[in-house]
Amino acid sequence: VQFQPGQDFQAHYHNIMEENFHILQGKIDIVVDGEVHTLSAGDFIHIEPGEVHYVNNPYDEPIVMVSTLAPFQEVDKVEVENPTY
């Protein structure tokens, strides 16, 4: 997955799936239940079902990362309109 500078996606959570991000290149902010995790190349984060998360690239460089979802469910994304952070 690539995120360009300024790119993000809406806060959401999964009921069943766990999500993992492994950063290959660049730097990114991943917010999990209101806590900002700034990750760089080589870093990894695991997100449990029910944890609201949001990804944002406020930096000047593109980011390259691997994202995995398991056990995969076609429809298991609940968007959060106004997260409290």
PDB file of N, CA and C in Angstrom:
ATOM      1  N   VAL A   1       0.851  -1.168   0.000  1.00  0.00           N
ATOM      2  CA  VAL A   1       0.000   0.000   0.000  1.00  0.00           C
ATOM      3  C   VAL A   1       0.895   1.229   0.000  1.00  0.00           C
ATOM      4  N   GLN A   2       0.532   2.237  -0.796  1.00  0.00           N
ATOM      5  CA  GLN A   2       1.262   3.508  -0.800  1.00  0.00           C
ATOM      6  C   GLN A   2       0.333   4.628  -0.340  1.00  0.00           C
ATOM      7  N   PHE A   3       0.854   5.517   0.485  1.00  0.00           N
ATOM      8  CA  PHE A   3       0.145   6.725   0.897  1.00  0.00           C
ATOM      9  C   PHE A   3       1.020   7.904   0.505  1.00  0.00           C
ATOM     10  N   GLN A   4       0.455   8.812  -0.260  1.00  0.00           N
ATOM     11  CA  GLN A   4       1.169  10.010  -0.668  1.00  0.00           C
ATOM     12  C   GLN A   4       1.135  11.033   0.471  1.00  0.00           C
ATOM     13  N   PRO A   5       2.027  12.025   0.448  1.00  0.00           N
ATOM     14  CA  PRO A   5       1.978  13.079   1.464  1.00  0.00           C
ATOM     15  C   PRO A   5       0.578  13.697   1.533  1.00  0.00           C
ATOM     16  N   GLY A   6       0.050  13.835   2.738  1.00  0.00           N
ATOM     17  CA  GLY A   6      -1.279  14.404   2.941  1.00  0.00           C
ATOM     18  C   GLY A   6      -2.421  13.411   2.821  1.00  0.00           C
ATOM     19  N   GLN A   7      -2.145  12.198   2.384  1.00  0.00           N
ATOM     20  CA  GLN A   7      -3.203  11.205   2.208  1.00  0.00           C
ATOM     21  C   GLN A   7      -3.562  10.549   3.538  1.00  0.00           C
ATOM     22  N   ASP A   8      -4.845  10.196   3.690  1.00  0.00           N
ATOM     23  CA  ASP A   8      -5.317   9.516   4.891  1.00  0.00           C
ATOM     24  C   ASP A   8      -6.523   8.653   4.538  1.00  0.00           C
ATOM     25  N   PHE A   9      -7.086   7.969   5.525  1.00  0.00           N
ATOM     26  CA  PHE A   9      -8.388   7.335   5.349  1.00  0.00           C
ATOM     27  C   PHE A   9      -9.203   7.492   6.616  1.00  0.00           C
ATOM     28  N   GLN A  10     -10.519   7.355   6.467  1.00  0.00           N
ATOM     29  CA  GLN A  10     -11.446   7.620   7.562  1.00  0.00           C
ATOM     30  C   GLN A  10     -11.264   6.639   8.715  1.00  0.00           C
ATOM     31  N   ALA A  11     -11.455   7.154   9.924  1.00  0.00           N
ATOM     32  CA  ALA A  11     -11.397   6.313  11.121  1.00  0.00           C
ATOM     33  C   ALA A  11     -12.454   5.222  11.022  1.00  0.00           C
ATOM     34  N   HIS A  12     -12.071   4.011  11.445  1.00  0.00           N
ATOM     35  CA  HIS A  12     -12.986   2.876  11.388  1.00  0.00           C
ATOM     36  C   HIS A  12     -12.503   1.777  12.329  1.00  0.00           C
ATOM     37  N   TYR A  13     -13.302   0.741  12.440  1.00  0.00           N
ATOM     38  CA  TYR A  13     -12.895  -0.447  13.189  1.00  0.00           C
ATOM     39  C   TYR A  13     -13.466  -1.674  12.497  1.00  0.00           C
ATOM     40  N   HIS A  14     -12.998  -2.830  12.911  1.00  0.00           N
ATOM     41  CA  HIS A  14     -13.476  -4.104  12.390  1.00  0.00           C
ATOM     42  C   HIS A  14     -14.031  -4.908  13.557  1.00  0.00           C
ATOM     43  N   ASN A  15     -15.113  -5.627  13.318  1.00  0.00           N
ATOM     44  CA  ASN A  15     -15.700  -6.470  14.364  1.00  0.00           C
ATOM     45  C   ASN A  15     -14.985  -7.803  14.506  1.00  0.00           C
ATOM     46  N   ILE A  16     -14.481  -8.333  13.405  1.00  0.00           N
ATOM     47  CA  ILE A  16     -13.876  -9.667  13.397  1.00  0.00           C
ATOM     48  C   ILE A  16     -12.392  -9.625  13.028  1.00  0.00           C
ATOM     49  N   MET A  17     -12.060  -8.847  12.015  1.00  0.00           N
ATOM     50  CA  MET A  17     -10.692  -8.866  11.484  1.00  0.00           C
ATOM     51  C   MET A  17      -9.696  -8.151  12.391  1.00  0.00           C
ATOM     52  N   GLU A  18      -8.496  -8.710  12.452  1.00  0.00           N
ATOM     53  CA  GLU A  18      -7.332  -8.042  13.014  1.00  0.00           C
ATOM     54  C   GLU A  18      -6.601  -7.401  11.841  1.00  0.00           C
ATOM     55  N   GLU A  19      -5.952  -6.267  12.068  1.00  0.00           N
ATOM     56  CA  GLU A  19      -5.225  -5.590  10.991  1.00  0.00           C
ATOM     57  C   GLU A  19      -3.786  -5.355  11.423  1.00  0.00           C
ATOM     58  N   ASN A  20      -2.878  -5.573  10.494  1.00  0.00           N
ATOM     59  CA  ASN A  20      -1.449  -5.366  10.740  1.00  0.00           C
ATOM     60  C   ASN A  20      -0.892  -4.414   9.696  1.00  0.00           C
ATOM     61  N   PHE A  21       0.000  -3.539  10.126  1.00  0.00           N
ATOM     62  CA  PHE A  21       0.727  -2.659   9.217  1.00  0.00           C
ATOM     63  C   PHE A  21       2.216  -2.859   9.449  1.00  0.00           C
ATOM     64  N   HIS A  22       2.952  -3.126   8.388  1.00  0.00           N
ATOM     65  CA  HIS A  22       4.417  -3.242   8.446  1.00  0.00           C
ATOM     66  C   HIS A  22       4.967  -2.167   7.517  1.00  0.00           C
ATOM     67  N   ILE A  23       5.709  -1.227   8.066  1.00  0.00           N
ATOM     68  CA  ILE A  23       6.211  -0.086   7.307  1.00  0.00           C
ATOM     69  C   ILE A  23       7.494  -0.485   6.577  1.00  0.00           C
ATOM     70  N   LEU A  24       7.498  -0.287   5.252  1.00  0.00           N
ATOM     71  CA  LEU A  24       8.660  -0.624   4.429  1.00  0.00           C
ATOM     72  C   LEU A  24       9.509   0.596   4.104  1.00  0.00           C
ATOM     73  N   GLN A  25       8.841   1.743   3.897  1.00  0.00           N
ATOM     74  CA  GLN A  25       9.558   2.959   3.496  1.00  0.00           C
ATOM     75  C   GLN A  25       8.769   4.173   3.957  1.00  0.00           C
ATOM     76  N   GLY A  26       9.457   5.181   4.468  1.00  0.00           N
ATOM     77  CA  GLY A  26       8.816   6.423   4.866  1.00  0.00           C
ATOM     78  C   GLY A  26       8.407   6.439   6.324  1.00  0.00           C
ATOM     79  N   LYS A  27       7.504   7.368   6.630  1.00  0.00           N
ATOM     80  CA  LYS A  27       7.065   7.610   8.006  1.00  0.00           C
ATOM     81  C   LYS A  27       5.568   7.900   7.965  1.00  0.00           C
ATOM     82  N   ILE A  28       4.808   7.385   8.940  1.00  0.00           N
ATOM     83  CA  ILE A  28       3.350   7.538   8.938  1.00  0.00           C
ATOM     84  C   ILE A  28       2.834   7.620  10.368  1.00  0.00           C
ATOM     85  N   ASP A  29       1.699   8.282  10.543  1.00  0.00           N
ATOM     86  CA  ASP A  29       1.008   8.306  11.832  1.00  0.00           C
ATOM     87  C   ASP A  29      -0.196   7.377  11.756  1.00  0.00           C
ATOM     88  N   ILE A  30      -0.274   6.441  12.697  1.00  0.00           N
ATOM     89  CA  ILE A  30      -1.433   5.562  12.815  1.00  0.00           C
ATOM     90  C   ILE A  30      -2.022   5.799  14.199  1.00  0.00           C
ATOM     91  N   VAL A  31      -3.276   6.235  14.226  1.00  0.00           N
ATOM     92  CA  VAL A  31      -3.965   6.518  15.481  1.00  0.00           C
ATOM     93  C   VAL A  31      -4.818   5.305  15.829  1.00  0.00           C
ATOM     94  N   VAL A  32      -4.619   4.756  17.029  1.00  0.00           N
ATOM     95  CA  VAL A  32      -5.386   3.603  17.498  1.00  0.00           C
ATOM     96  C   VAL A  32      -6.035   3.983  18.825  1.00  0.00           C
ATOM     97  N   ASP A  33      -7.371   3.998  18.836  1.00  0.00           N
ATOM     98  CA  ASP A  33      -8.130   4.375  20.037  1.00  0.00           C
ATOM     99  C   ASP A  33      -7.599   5.661  20.664  1.00  0.00           C
ATOM    100  N   GLY A  34      -7.305   6.648  19.811  1.00  0.00           N
ATOM    101  CA  GLY A  34      -6.893   7.962  20.277  1.00  0.00           C
ATOM    102  C   GLY A  34      -5.418   8.147  20.534  1.00  0.00           C
ATOM    103  N   GLU A  35      -4.633   7.084  20.463  1.00  0.00           N
ATOM    104  CA  GLU A  35      -3.187   7.179  20.704  1.00  0.00           C
ATOM    105  C   GLU A  35      -2.440   7.200  19.372  1.00  0.00           C
ATOM    106  N   VAL A  36      -1.631   8.238  19.159  1.00  0.00           N
ATOM    107  CA  VAL A  36      -0.874   8.379  17.911  1.00  0.00           C
ATOM    108  C   VAL A  36       0.403   7.547  17.988  1.00  0.00           C
ATOM    109  N   HIS A  37       0.595   6.706  16.977  1.00  0.00           N
ATOM    110  CA  HIS A  37       1.816   5.911  16.834  1.00  0.00           C
ATOM    111  C   HIS A  37       2.513   6.400  15.570  1.00  0.00           C
ATOM    112  N   THR A  38       3.683   6.998  15.706  1.00  0.00           N
ATOM    113  CA  THR A  38       4.465   7.433  14.549  1.00  0.00           C
ATOM    114  C   THR A  38       5.418   6.301  14.200  1.00  0.00           C
ATOM    115  N   LEU A  39       5.225   5.739  13.005  1.00  0.00           N
ATOM    116  CA  LEU A  39       5.980   4.563  12.584  1.00  0.00           C
ATOM    117  C   LEU A  39       6.875   4.885  11.402  1.00  0.00           C
ATOM    118  N   SER A  40       8.033   4.225  11.357  1.00  0.00           N
ATOM    119  CA  SER A  40       9.015   4.387  10.276  1.00  0.00           C
ATOM    120  C   SER A  40       9.372   3.017   9.722  1.00  0.00           C
ATOM    121  N   ALA A  41      10.191   3.017   8.673  1.00  0.00           N
ATOM    122  CA  ALA A  41      10.606   1.773   8.023  1.00  0.00           C
ATOM    123  C   ALA A  41      11.087   0.758   9.052  1.00  0.00           C
ATOM    124  N   GLY A  42      10.559  -0.460   8.953  1.00  0.00           N
ATOM    125  CA  GLY A  42      10.909  -1.540   9.863  1.00  0.00           C
ATOM    126  C   GLY A  42       9.940  -1.710  11.018  1.00  0.00           C
ATOM    127  N   ASP A  43       9.099  -0.696  11.283  1.00  0.00           N
ATOM    128  CA  ASP A  43       8.145  -0.785  12.388  1.00  0.00           C
ATOM    129  C   ASP A  43       6.913  -1.596  11.987  1.00  0.00           C
ATOM    130  N   PHE A  44       6.228  -2.120  13.006  1.00  0.00           N
ATOM    131  CA  PHE A  44       5.054  -2.970  12.825  1.00  0.00           C
ATOM    132  C   PHE A  44       4.038  -2.611  13.903  1.00  0.00           C
ATOM    133  N   ILE A  45       2.756  -2.634  13.536  1.00  0.00           N
ATOM    134  CA  ILE A  45       1.702  -2.428  14.531  1.00  0.00           C
ATOM    135  C   ILE A  45       0.576  -3.412  14.261  1.00  0.00           C
ATOM    136  N   HIS A  46       0.004  -3.936  15.351  1.00  0.00           N
ATOM    137  CA  HIS A  46      -1.110  -4.881  15.293  1.00  0.00           C
ATOM    138  C   HIS A  46      -2.338  -4.204  15.888  1.00  0.00           C
ATOM    139  N   ILE A  47      -3.463  -4.274  15.183  1.00  0.00           N
ATOM    140  CA  ILE A  47      -4.700  -3.646  15.636  1.00  0.00           C
ATOM    141  C   ILE A  47      -5.753  -4.733  15.839  1.00  0.00           C
ATOM    142  N   GLU A  48      -6.300  -4.779  17.033  1.00  0.00           N
ATOM    143  CA  GLU A  48      -7.300  -5.785  17.406  1.00  0.00           C
ATOM    144  C   GLU A  48      -8.693  -5.388  16.907  1.00  0.00           C
ATOM    145  N   PRO A  49      -9.596  -6.364  16.741  1.00  0.00           N
ATOM    146  CA  PRO A  49     -10.987  -6.029  16.417  1.00  0.00           C
ATOM    147  C   PRO A  49     -11.556  -5.073  17.472  1.00  0.00           C
ATOM    148  N   GLY A  50     -12.348  -4.116  17.016  1.00  0.00           N
ATOM    149  CA  GLY A  50     -12.968  -3.153  17.919  1.00  0.00           C
ATOM    150  C   GLY A  50     -12.146  -1.906  18.186  1.00  0.00           C
ATOM    151  N   GLU A  51     -10.858  -1.920  17.837  1.00  0.00           N
ATOM    152  CA  GLU A  51     -10.023  -0.728  18.043  1.00  0.00           C
ATOM    153  C   GLU A  51     -10.211   0.239  16.868  1.00  0.00           C
ATOM    154  N   VAL A  52     -10.661   1.446  17.187  1.00  0.00           N
ATOM    155  CA  VAL A  52     -10.843   2.466  16.149  1.00  0.00           C
ATOM    156  C   VAL A  52      -9.466   2.923  15.696  1.00  0.00           C
ATOM    157  N   HIS A  53      -9.249   2.915  14.374  1.00  0.00           N
ATOM    158  CA  HIS A  53      -7.939   3.313  13.867  1.00  0.00           C
ATOM    159  C   HIS A  53      -8.071   4.183  12.622  1.00  0.00           C
ATOM    160  N   TYR A  54      -7.012   4.955  12.408  1.00  0.00           N
ATOM    161  CA  TYR A  54      -6.963   5.979  11.366  1.00  0.00           C
ATOM    162  C   TYR A  54      -5.513   6.113  10.935  1.00  0.00           C
ATOM    163  N   VAL A  55      -5.286   6.218   9.641  1.00  0.00           N
ATOM    164  CA  VAL A  55      -3.929   6.347   9.104  1.00  0.00           C
ATOM    165  C   VAL A  55      -3.806   7.697   8.406  1.00  0.00           C
ATOM    166  N   ASN A  56      -2.711   8.401   8.676  1.00  0.00           N
ATOM    167  CA  ASN A  56      -2.488   9.718   8.087  1.00  0.00           C
ATOM    168  C   ASN A  56      -1.009   9.878   7.750  1.00  0.00           C
ATOM    169  N   ASN A  57      -0.737  10.420   6.566  1.00  0.00           N
ATOM    170  CA  ASN A  57       0.642  10.727   6.185  1.00  0.00           C
ATOM    171  C   ASN A  57       0.810  12.245   6.105  1.00  0.00           C
ATOM    172  N   PRO A  58       1.164  12.906   7.228  1.00  0.00           N
ATOM    173  CA  PRO A  58       1.367  14.350   7.217  1.00  0.00           C
ATOM    174  C   PRO A  58       2.776  14.753   6.786  1.00  0.00           C
ATOM    175  N   TYR A  59       3.568  13.790   6.364  1.00  0.00           N
ATOM    176  CA  TYR A  59       4.982  14.028   6.067  1.00  0.00           C
ATOM    177  C   TYR A  59       5.192  14.324   4.585  1.00  0.00           C
ATOM    178  N   ASP A  60       6.408  14.739   4.229  1.00  0.00           N
ATOM    179  CA  ASP A  60       6.716  15.174   2.868  1.00  0.00           C
ATOM    180  C   ASP A  60       7.030  14.044   1.902  1.00  0.00           C
ATOM    181  N   GLU A  61       7.174  12.831   2.399  1.00  0.00           N
ATOM    182  CA  GLU A  61       7.555  11.691   1.562  1.00  0.00           C
ATOM    183  C   GLU A  61       6.417  10.670   1.485  1.00  0.00           C
ATOM    184  N   PRO A  62       6.314   9.960   0.361  1.00  0.00           N
ATOM    185  CA  PRO A  62       5.341   8.862   0.292  1.00  0.00           C
ATOM    186  C   PRO A  62       5.727   7.747   1.262  1.00  0.00           C
ATOM    187  N   ILE A  63       4.753   6.967   1.644  1.00  0.00           N
ATOM    188  CA  ILE A  63       4.973   5.815   2.525  1.00  0.00           C
ATOM    189  C   ILE A  63       4.642   4.547   1.751  1.00  0.00           C
ATOM    190  N   VAL A  64       5.402   3.495   2.005  1.00  0.00           N
ATOM    191  CA  VAL A  64       5.099   2.174   1.457  1.00  0.00           C
ATOM    192  C   VAL A  64       4.982   1.232   2.643  1.00  0.00           C
ATOM    193  N   MET A  65       3.865   0.503   2.712  1.00  0.00           N
ATOM    194  CA  MET A  65       3.652  -0.418   3.827  1.00  0.00           C
ATOM    195  C   MET A  65       2.852  -1.625   3.364  1.00  0.00           C
ATOM    196  N   VAL A  66       2.946  -2.688   4.138  1.00  0.00           N
ATOM    197  CA  VAL A  66       2.145  -3.884   3.910  1.00  0.00           C
ATOM    198  C   VAL A  66       1.017  -3.864   4.931  1.00  0.00           C
ATOM    199  N   SER A  67      -0.204  -4.076   4.462  1.00  0.00           N
ATOM    200  CA  SER A  67      -1.368  -4.141   5.340  1.00  0.00           C
ATOM    201  C   SER A  67      -2.022  -5.504   5.170  1.00  0.00           C
ATOM    202  N   THR A  68      -2.275  -6.191   6.288  1.00  0.00           N
ATOM    203  CA  THR A  68      -2.956  -7.484   6.226  1.00  0.00           C
ATOM    204  C   THR A  68      -4.175  -7.471   7.136  1.00  0.00           C
ATOM    205  N   LEU A  69      -5.201  -8.199   6.713  1.00  0.00           N
ATOM    206  CA  LEU A  69      -6.442  -8.339   7.469  1.00  0.00           C
ATOM    207  C   LEU A  69      -6.747  -9.820   7.622  1.00  0.00           C
ATOM    208  N   ALA A  70      -7.010 -10.269   8.854  1.00  0.00           N
ATOM    209  CA  ALA A  70      -7.304 -11.689   9.049  1.00  0.00           C
ATOM    210  C   ALA A  70      -8.123 -11.876  10.324  1.00  0.00           C
ATOM    211  N   PRO A  71      -9.016 -12.852  10.365  1.00  0.00           N
ATOM    212  CA  PRO A  71      -9.476 -13.630   9.217  1.00  0.00           C
ATOM    213  C   PRO A  71     -10.302 -12.731   8.303  1.00  0.00           C
ATOM    214  N   PHE A  72     -10.028 -12.791   7.008  1.00  0.00           N
ATOM    215  CA  PHE A  72     -10.652 -11.872   6.067  1.00  0.00           C
ATOM    216  C   PHE A  72     -12.166 -12.051   6.028  1.00  0.00           C
ATOM    217  N   GLN A  73     -12.861 -10.936   6.105  1.00  0.00           N
ATOM    218  CA  GLN A  73     -14.317 -10.872   5.970  1.00  0.00           C
ATOM    219  C   GLN A  73     -14.620  -9.793   4.944  1.00  0.00           C
ATOM    220  N   GLU A  74     -15.406 -10.120   3.931  1.00  0.00           N
ATOM    221  CA  GLU A  74     -15.715  -9.172   2.855  1.00  0.00           C
ATOM    222  C   GLU A  74     -16.306  -7.867   3.402  1.00  0.00           C
ATOM    223  N   VAL A  75     -17.224  -7.978   4.360  1.00  0.00           N
ATOM    224  CA  VAL A  75     -17.877  -6.786   4.914  1.00  0.00           C
ATOM    225  C   VAL A  75     -17.628  -6.757   6.424  1.00  0.00           C
ATOM    226  N   ASP A  76     -16.566  -6.074   6.838  1.00  0.00           N
ATOM    227  CA  ASP A  76     -16.248  -5.964   8.268  1.00  0.00           C
ATOM    228  C   ASP A  76     -15.512  -4.657   8.539  1.00  0.00           C
ATOM    229  N   LYS A  77     -16.082  -3.566   8.041  1.00  0.00           N
ATOM    230  CA  LYS A  77     -15.491  -2.247   8.268  1.00  0.00           C
ATOM    231  C   LYS A  77     -16.610  -1.313   8.717  1.00  0.00           C
ATOM    232  N   VAL A  78     -16.477  -0.772   9.922  1.00  0.00           N
ATOM    233  CA  VAL A  78     -17.467   0.153  10.465  1.00  0.00           C
ATOM    234  C   VAL A  78     -16.803   1.519  10.554  1.00  0.00           C
ATOM    235  N   GLU A  79     -17.268   2.459   9.713  1.00  0.00           N
ATOM    236  CA  GLU A  79     -16.676   3.795   9.711  1.00  0.00           C
ATOM    237  C   GLU A  79     -17.159   4.593  10.914  1.00  0.00           C
ATOM    238  N   VAL A  80     -16.272   5.417  11.446  1.00  0.00           N
ATOM    239  CA  VAL A  80     -16.566   6.276  12.594  1.00  0.00           C
ATOM    240  C   VAL A  80     -16.535   7.710  12.082  1.00  0.00           C
ATOM    241  N   GLU A  81     -17.695   8.364  12.094  1.00  0.00           N
ATOM    242  CA  GLU A  81     -17.816   9.698  11.511  1.00  0.00           C
ATOM    243  C   GLU A  81     -17.021  10.761  12.256  1.00  0.00           C
ATOM    244  N   ASN A  82     -17.139  10.804  13.565  1.00  0.00           N
ATOM    245  CA  ASN A  82     -16.489  11.851  14.356  1.00  0.00           C
ATOM    246  C   ASN A  82     -15.738  11.237  15.526  1.00  0.00           C
ATOM    247  N   PRO A  83     -14.548  10.691  15.261  1.00  0.00           N
ATOM    248  CA  PRO A  83     -13.799  10.124  16.391  1.00  0.00           C
ATOM    249  C   PRO A  83     -13.498  11.216  17.415  1.00  0.00           C
ATOM    250  N   THR A  84     -13.333  10.823  18.653  1.00  0.00           N
ATOM    251  CA  THR A  84     -13.161  11.793  19.744  1.00  0.00           C
ATOM    252  C   THR A  84     -11.719  12.231  19.932  1.00  0.00           C
ATOM    253  N   TYR A  85     -10.877  12.061  18.932  1.00  0.00           N
ATOM    254  CA  TYR A  85      -9.485  12.491  19.040  1.00  0.00           C
ATOM    255  C   TYR A  85      -9.101  13.282  17.827  1.00  0.00           C
TER     256      TYR A  85
END
